Amino acid sequence: MAPVAQLSKADMCLFLQQLQANPPDIAVWDPTMRLSLLRGGLVDLTIYGRRVASTPRFALMAISTNALAYIAKHPCIPAINFTFDVPAARTQAKKGQVELVLRREKMSDAQIKVHEAALVSIAQWLTSLCTPAPKALVGASPAIETCIRFICAHTLGMPQYVHHLTDKFIMQAGKLALSSHHVTELVKSCRGEDDALLVGLAGKLVEKRMSGQVAAQQLDAFLNADGNRMLREKVDGLERHLGIKIQAEKLKEVVGNMVQALSKKREIGSVDEMEGADKMDVDIGSGVIGVDADGWQVSPDGIPKKKQKVGHGQLP
């Protein structure tokens, strides 16, 4: 277990001032400034009370707003404990009837091992940030990297440090380089419809369907499988949006064509306004009939001859 930190108020004030004076991304801090984060000592990372790694306390606080808020109130705590309870559904008999009960339960041993490996990777990355040569935040397997992204983006509240993993998964989905099981695990790791990974995965699937790279029936079967509900809703929403947009573009194109056709027809000849409010020319092809303000026909040569009322029925 990491030794209990003996932090004074002065140490904490100096650290908070350091956060304010430097960029939000500590990976771009001056190496000397990053090295100074070691003065806060170490804090253990535990799962269900069992230690899996230790990491520099101030480095964890610098990258995680959630850890910063908690440790600032308890600066000398020896460990940060993670439970990672997962939602589960169980049936139980009650008054002769069976009802479904939703609850949160402890993860399976296999899930715990993946989360332990993810925390070890995060702790090693944080330690490297306090050196002149920071290492990349990666995992030894896709499952561990999925877990790293989940812990950083949602548990620790530091999504900006795992953009590279989010982009990697979206790119792989675009190349159809992920198994359906892996995509489902990625979907399960998302939180909310605005999760960057969920939006990216949905966008790639819609793109593949529209381009014919994935059969519609095959994609529908995948989206309807257990665990993909959020992805299915996001895909449906994107396709509805695209459908409306496409229809709007088609309508715009049709209206544009109609306007062009009308303009062309006017160029050939229909009704053209002339100067003056008391006269207009009605183009009927070969001849022009003058019409005065009262609607009476005027001879082309201007000689007052017998006038006749021009009505709509007389025009071709």
Protein backbone atom coordinates (compact mmCIF):
# COMPACT_ATOMS: atom_id res chain seq x y z
CA MET A 1 0.00 0.00 0.00
CA ALA A 2 1.20 3.51 -0.80
CA PRO A 3 2.40 5.49 2.24
CA VAL A 4 -0.14 7.94 3.61
CA ALA A 5 0.56 11.36 2.13
CA GLN A 6 1.40 14.14 4.54
CA LEU A 7 0.03 17.05 2.59
CA SER A 8 -0.26 20.50 4.10
CA LYS A 9 -2.67 23.21 3.02
CA ALA A 10 0.29 24.99 1.47
CA ASP A 11 1.06 21.92 -0.69
CA MET A 12 -2.53 21.76 -1.88
CA CYS A 13 -2.70 25.52 -2.59
CA LEU A 14 0.54 25.36 -4.57
CA PHE A 15 -0.80 22.44 -6.61
CA LEU A 16 -4.10 24.22 -7.35
CA GLN A 17 -2.18 27.32 -8.45
CA GLN A 18 -0.12 25.09 -10.72
CA LEU A 19 -3.30 23.76 -12.34
CA GLN A 20 -4.57 27.26 -13.01
CA ALA A 21 -1.29 28.49 -14.47
CA ASN A 22 -0.79 25.61 -16.94
CA PRO A 23 -2.73 24.22 -19.94
CA PRO A 24 -5.55 21.74 -19.21
CA ASP A 25 -3.60 18.93 -20.94
CA ILE A 26 -0.75 18.04 -18.60
CA ALA A 27 0.97 16.06 -21.37
CA VAL A 28 2.08 19.41 -22.86
CA TRP A 29 3.37 20.83 -19.58
CA ASP A 30 7.03 21.64 -19.21
CA PRO A 31 8.86 18.45 -18.03
CA THR A 32 10.02 20.16 -14.84
CA MET A 33 6.45 21.15 -14.04
CA ARG A 34 5.22 17.60 -14.64
CA LEU A 35 8.01 16.19 -12.48
CA SER A 36 6.85 18.40 -9.61
CA LEU A 37 3.56 16.44 -9.49
CA LEU A 38 5.45 13.68 -7.68
CA ARG A 39 5.62 15.81 -4.53
CA GLY A 40 2.04 14.80 -3.70
CA GLY A 41 3.06 11.20 -3.08
CA LEU A 42 1.19 8.13 -4.29
CA VAL A 43 -2.40 6.99 -4.01
CA ASP A 44 -3.56 3.37 -4.45
CA LEU A 45 -6.13 2.33 -7.02
CA THR A 46 -8.26 -0.53 -5.71
CA ILE A 47 -11.14 -2.63 -7.03
CA TYR A 48 -13.62 -3.80 -4.41
CA GLY A 49 -10.99 -2.88 -1.80
CA ARG A 50 -8.14 -4.87 -3.36
CA ARG A 51 -5.12 -2.87 -4.52
CA VAL A 52 -4.14 -3.21 -8.17
CA ALA A 53 -1.79 -0.25 -8.70
CA SER A 54 -0.39 2.98 -7.25
CA THR A 55 -0.08 6.29 -9.07
CA PRO A 56 1.04 9.88 -8.35
CA ARG A 57 -1.72 11.59 -6.41
CA PHE A 58 -1.33 15.03 -7.98
CA ALA A 59 -1.09 13.56 -11.50
CA LEU A 60 -4.42 11.79 -11.00
CA MET A 61 -5.97 14.99 -9.69
CA ALA A 62 -4.55 16.99 -12.60
CA ILE A 63 -6.15 14.81 -15.28
CA SER A 64 -9.43 13.89 -13.55
CA THR A 65 -11.96 16.48 -12.42
CA ASN A 66 -13.78 13.78 -10.44
CA ALA A 67 -10.63 12.74 -8.59
CA LEU A 68 -9.70 16.38 -8.03
CA ALA A 69 -13.03 17.18 -6.39
CA TYR A 70 -12.87 14.14 -4.09
CA ILE A 71 -9.19 14.20 -3.08
CA ALA A 72 -9.25 17.97 -2.50
CA LYS A 73 -11.74 17.29 0.30
CA HIS A 74 -9.77 14.27 1.57
CA PRO A 75 -6.13 15.06 0.64
CA CYS A 76 -4.58 12.28 2.74
CA ILE A 77 -6.76 9.34 1.69
CA PRO A 78 -4.57 6.28 0.95
CA ALA A 79 -6.65 4.85 -1.92
CA ILE A 80 -9.34 5.43 -4.53
CA ASN A 81 -11.70 2.45 -4.66
CA PHE A 82 -13.55 1.39 -7.81
CA THR A 83 -16.59 -0.92 -7.66
CA PHE A 84 -17.79 -0.94 -11.29
CA ASP A 85 -21.10 -2.55 -10.40
CA VAL A 86 -23.03 -3.53 -13.50
CA PRO A 87 -26.78 -3.48 -14.15
CA ALA A 88 -28.46 -6.86 -13.99
CA ALA A 89 -31.97 -8.25 -14.17
CA ARG A 90 -33.24 -11.03 -11.96
CA THR A 91 -36.63 -12.63 -11.53
CA GLN A 92 -38.13 -13.28 -8.14
CA ALA A 93 -41.34 -14.87 -6.94
CA LYS A 94 -43.69 -12.58 -5.04
CA LYS A 95 -47.22 -13.49 -3.94
CA GLY A 96 -47.35 -16.33 -6.39
CA GLN A 97 -46.18 -14.21 -9.30
CA VAL A 98 -42.79 -13.82 -10.96
CA GLU A 99 -41.59 -10.26 -11.44
CA LEU A 100 -38.47 -8.74 -12.97
CA VAL A 101 -36.19 -6.85 -10.62
CA LEU A 102 -33.43 -4.53 -11.86
CA ARG A 103 -30.39 -4.10 -9.65
CA ARG A 104 -26.67 -3.46 -9.74
CA GLU A 105 -24.37 -6.37 -9.08
CA LYS A 106 -20.69 -7.03 -8.77
CA MET A 107 -18.87 -7.77 -12.01
CA SER A 108 -17.83 -11.26 -12.95
CA ASP A 109 -14.25 -12.36 -12.26
CA ALA A 110 -13.42 -12.09 -15.96
CA GLN A 111 -14.73 -8.51 -16.07
CA ILE A 112 -12.79 -7.62 -12.93
CA LYS A 113 -9.54 -8.85 -14.49
CA VAL A 114 -10.06 -6.64 -17.54
CA HIS A 115 -10.76 -3.63 -15.33
CA GLU A 116 -7.70 -4.38 -13.21
CA ALA A 117 -5.52 -4.42 -16.33
CA ALA A 118 -7.09 -1.15 -17.47
CA LEU A 119 -6.35 0.54 -14.12
CA VAL A 120 -2.74 -0.71 -14.23
CA SER A 121 -2.32 0.80 -17.70
CA ILE A 122 -3.80 4.12 -16.52
CA ALA A 123 -1.56 4.17 -13.42
CA GLN A 124 1.56 3.48 -15.52
CA TRP A 125 0.58 6.21 -17.97
CA LEU A 126 0.06 8.71 -15.13
CA THR A 127 3.46 7.84 -13.69
CA SER A 128 5.09 8.36 -17.09
CA LEU A 129 3.50 11.81 -17.32
CA CYS A 130 5.72 12.81 -14.39
CA THR A 131 8.85 12.04 -16.45
CA PRO A 132 10.52 13.76 -19.44
CA ALA A 133 9.20 11.04 -21.79
CA PRO A 134 5.46 10.35 -21.32
CA LYS A 135 4.15 7.08 -22.76
CA ALA A 136 0.97 6.61 -24.77
CA LEU A 137 -2.21 5.52 -23.01
CA VAL A 138 -2.92 2.14 -24.60
CA GLY A 139 -3.91 -1.36 -23.55
CA ALA A 140 -2.64 -4.83 -24.31
CA SER A 141 -5.89 -5.93 -25.97
CA PRO A 142 -9.05 -4.42 -27.52
CA ALA A 143 -11.06 -5.38 -24.43
CA ILE A 144 -8.61 -3.59 -22.12
CA GLU A 145 -8.54 -0.50 -24.35
CA THR A 146 -12.34 -0.44 -24.38
CA CYS A 147 -12.25 -0.53 -20.60
CA ILE A 148 -9.56 2.20 -20.45
CA ARG A 149 -11.75 4.45 -22.58
CA PHE A 150 -14.76 3.79 -20.37
CA ILE A 151 -12.91 4.48 -17.10
CA CYS A 152 -11.25 7.64 -18.41
CA ALA A 153 -14.25 9.07 -20.25
CA HIS A 154 -16.96 8.25 -17.72
CA THR A 155 -15.61 7.23 -14.32
CA LEU A 156 -12.72 9.68 -14.05
CA GLY A 157 -14.28 12.35 -16.27
CA MET A 158 -11.30 12.86 -18.58
CA PRO A 159 -12.54 12.05 -22.12
CA GLN A 160 -9.95 14.37 -23.70
CA TYR A 161 -7.18 11.88 -22.85
CA VAL A 162 -8.79 8.99 -24.73
CA HIS A 163 -9.79 10.70 -27.98
CA HIS A 164 -7.14 8.60 -29.73
CA LEU A 165 -8.84 5.38 -28.60
CA THR A 166 -12.28 6.66 -29.62
CA ASP A 167 -10.95 7.62 -33.06
CA LYS A 168 -9.20 4.25 -33.38
CA PHE A 169 -12.40 2.28 -32.70
CA ILE A 170 -14.45 4.42 -35.10
CA MET A 171 -11.82 4.01 -37.84
CA GLN A 172 -11.75 0.24 -37.33
CA ALA A 173 -15.53 0.11 -37.50
CA GLY A 174 -15.38 2.05 -40.75
CA LYS A 175 -13.01 -0.53 -42.18
CA LEU A 176 -15.22 -3.37 -40.88
CA ALA A 177 -12.19 -4.56 -38.93
CA LEU A 178 -14.08 -5.22 -35.68
CA SER A 179 -16.06 -8.30 -34.78
CA SER A 180 -19.75 -7.90 -34.01
CA HIS A 181 -18.99 -8.93 -30.41
CA HIS A 182 -16.39 -6.20 -30.05
CA VAL A 183 -18.73 -3.55 -31.47
CA THR A 184 -21.39 -4.64 -28.98
CA GLU A 185 -18.90 -4.29 -26.13
CA LEU A 186 -18.01 -0.83 -27.35
CA VAL A 187 -21.70 0.09 -27.37
CA LYS A 188 -22.13 -1.20 -23.83
CA SER A 189 -19.23 1.01 -22.72
CA CYS A 190 -20.97 4.16 -24.02
CA ARG A 191 -22.94 6.43 -21.75
CA GLY A 192 -25.76 8.43 -23.28
CA GLU A 193 -26.75 9.19 -26.86
CA ASP A 194 -24.16 11.95 -27.16
CA ASP A 195 -21.18 9.71 -26.38
CA ALA A 196 -18.58 10.47 -29.07
CA LEU A 197 -17.92 6.77 -29.66
CA LEU A 198 -21.61 5.93 -30.09
CA VAL A 199 -22.12 8.79 -32.54
CA GLY A 200 -19.03 7.77 -34.52
CA LEU A 201 -19.99 4.09 -34.70
CA ALA A 202 -23.53 4.92 -35.81
CA GLY A 203 -22.24 7.27 -38.49
CA LYS A 204 -19.95 4.62 -39.92
CA LEU A 205 -22.72 2.00 -40.02
CA VAL A 206 -25.10 4.38 -41.78
CA GLU A 207 -22.35 5.19 -44.27
CA LYS A 208 -21.73 1.49 -44.93
CA ARG A 209 -25.43 0.78 -45.45
CA MET A 210 -25.91 3.73 -47.84
CA SER A 211 -22.86 2.75 -49.88
CA GLY A 212 -23.96 -0.89 -50.05
CA GLN A 213 -20.89 -2.19 -48.19
CA VAL A 214 -23.13 -3.81 -45.59
CA ALA A 215 -26.38 -5.57 -46.48
CA ALA A 216 -29.40 -3.88 -44.92
CA GLN A 217 -30.76 -7.19 -43.62
CA GLN A 218 -27.43 -8.10 -42.05
CA LEU A 219 -27.09 -4.71 -40.36
CA ASP A 220 -30.67 -4.84 -39.04
CA ALA A 221 -30.03 -8.26 -37.53
CA PHE A 222 -26.93 -6.95 -35.77
CA LEU A 223 -28.63 -3.81 -34.47
CA ASN A 224 -31.52 -5.85 -33.07
CA ALA A 225 -29.18 -8.11 -31.08
CA ASP A 226 -28.92 -7.80 -27.30
CA GLY A 227 -26.70 -4.97 -26.13
CA ASN A 228 -27.04 -2.82 -29.26
CA ARG A 229 -30.18 -0.86 -28.34
CA MET A 230 -28.42 2.51 -28.00
CA LEU A 231 -26.61 2.00 -31.29
CA ARG A 232 -29.84 1.01 -33.08
CA GLU A 233 -31.60 4.15 -31.80
CA LYS A 234 -28.68 6.35 -32.87
CA VAL A 235 -28.55 4.72 -36.34
CA ASP A 236 -32.33 5.13 -36.75
CA GLY A 237 -32.07 8.78 -35.72
CA LEU A 238 -29.25 9.49 -38.16
CA GLU A 239 -31.06 7.75 -41.01
CA ARG A 240 -34.25 9.73 -40.30
CA HIS A 241 -32.23 12.93 -40.31
CA LEU A 242 -30.48 11.98 -43.54
CA GLY A 243 -33.79 10.96 -45.11
CA ILE A 244 -35.32 14.36 -44.34
CA LYS A 245 -32.20 16.08 -45.63
CA ILE A 246 -32.19 14.05 -48.84
CA GLN A 247 -35.89 14.75 -49.42
CA ALA A 248 -35.27 18.45 -48.83
CA GLU A 249 -32.41 18.40 -51.34
CA LYS A 250 -34.61 16.63 -53.90
CA LEU A 251 -37.40 19.17 -53.36
CA LYS A 252 -34.90 21.99 -53.74
CA GLU A 253 -33.68 20.43 -56.99
CA VAL A 254 -37.24 20.02 -58.35
CA VAL A 255 -38.15 23.63 -57.50
CA GLY A 256 -34.90 24.80 -59.10
CA ASN A 257 -35.72 22.90 -62.29
CA MET A 258 -39.22 24.42 -62.38
CA VAL A 259 -37.81 27.92 -61.97
CA GLN A 260 -35.35 27.33 -64.80
CA ALA A 261 -38.12 25.98 -67.03
CA LEU A 262 -40.33 29.00 -66.35
CA SER A 263 -37.45 31.37 -67.01
CA LYS A 264 -36.76 29.69 -70.32
CA LYS A 265 -40.41 29.89 -71.29
CA ARG A 266 -40.46 33.61 -70.58
CA GLU A 267 -37.41 34.06 -72.78
CA ILE A 268 -39.30 32.39 -75.68
CA GLY A 269 -42.24 34.75 -75.13
CA SER A 270 -45.30 35.02 -72.97
CA VAL A 271 -46.24 38.31 -71.33
CA ASP A 272 -43.64 41.07 -71.01
CA GLU A 273 -44.17 44.32 -69.18
CA MET A 274 -43.52 47.52 -71.12
CA GLU A 275 -42.58 50.96 -69.94
CA GLY A 276 -45.59 52.94 -68.82
CA ALA A 277 -48.56 51.88 -66.77
CA ASP A 278 -51.10 52.41 -69.51
CA LYS A 279 -49.93 49.91 -72.10
CA MET A 280 -48.60 46.37 -72.47
CA ASP A 281 -47.63 44.11 -75.33
CA VAL A 282 -49.14 40.67 -75.58
CA ASP A 283 -46.73 38.50 -77.52
CA ILE A 284 -48.66 35.98 -79.58
CA GLY A 285 -45.89 35.04 -81.93
CA SER A 286 -45.86 37.08 -85.17
CA GLY A 287 -47.83 40.18 -84.34
CA VAL A 288 -48.28 42.66 -81.53
CA ILE A 289 -51.66 44.10 -80.64
CA GLY A 290 -51.65 47.43 -78.84
CA VAL A 291 -54.07 47.70 -75.95
CA ASP A 292 -54.88 50.96 -74.20
CA ALA A 293 -55.56 51.44 -70.51
CA ASP A 294 -59.26 50.70 -70.93
CA GLY A 295 -58.61 47.41 -72.66
CA TRP A 296 -59.45 48.59 -76.19
CA GLN A 297 -57.44 47.45 -79.19
CA VAL A 298 -55.32 50.08 -80.96
CA SER A 299 -54.28 49.72 -84.63
CA PRO A 300 -50.60 48.85 -85.14
CA ASP A 301 -50.14 51.92 -87.42
CA GLY A 302 -51.53 54.21 -84.74
CA ILE A 303 -54.41 55.42 -86.97
CA PRO A 304 -57.61 55.63 -84.97
CA LYS A 305 -59.78 52.96 -86.46
CA LYS A 306 -62.66 51.06 -85.12
CA LYS A 307 -61.76 49.86 -81.68
CA GLN A 308 -62.85 46.64 -80.14
CA LYS A 309 -62.72 45.39 -76.62
CA VAL A 310 -60.02 42.76 -76.16
CA GLY A 311 -61.11 39.99 -73.84
CA HIS A 312 -59.30 36.96 -72.61
CA GLY A 313 -61.39 34.74 -74.86
CA GLN A 314 -60.04 36.47 -77.95
CA LEU A 315 -56.42 35.78 -77.14
CA PRO A 316 -54.89 32.58 -78.44
